[in-house]
């Protein structure tokens, strides 16, 4: 059986000094999935958003594959790939993750910052309660590109050298799992 998810995304990015229609971003994600069997599901769709420097649209293709009760792979490329192993189910999970994202932010009247990042990392999730997780990631960021621009009649952009390098991340997450 096919399942579909349609999500509208509204976002306000502003310095909050003077809010105008240029400060709003509207987006949409559409994902269709089909359960092939108890262990494998494939999915496809698209994501689009009105970033400050352009209209951004990207196709998505992925799968969820449960190799065992403890080992799971989940991907929706080019956005993310996660390979997770439950070391101690309900307590500690670990694995590898790849993430790729594009975001843009307004920071002055007509100025914006556009971020394009990719990283691969090892991660560990520590479950303190059923839905409360401390996530720690250590990896490498690559193919990063930051652009600062001014939105006038024509775009004027300045590329910032973000470089590649070590990436550390920690987050406290409220997560509801389906597995």
Foldseek 3Di string as FASTA:
>chain_A
DKDKDKDKDKDFFDLPPDDDPLRIKIKMWMKMKDDPDPFKMWMWTKIWMQANQGTDIDIWTWMWGDPDPFWIWTDTPPAKIWTWGCPPPPFKIKTKMKGWDWHKHDDDDFKMKIKTKIWIWIKMWGHPDNFKIKIKTKTKIPPIWMWIWGDDVHIDIDIDPPDMGIDIDIDIGGDDDDD
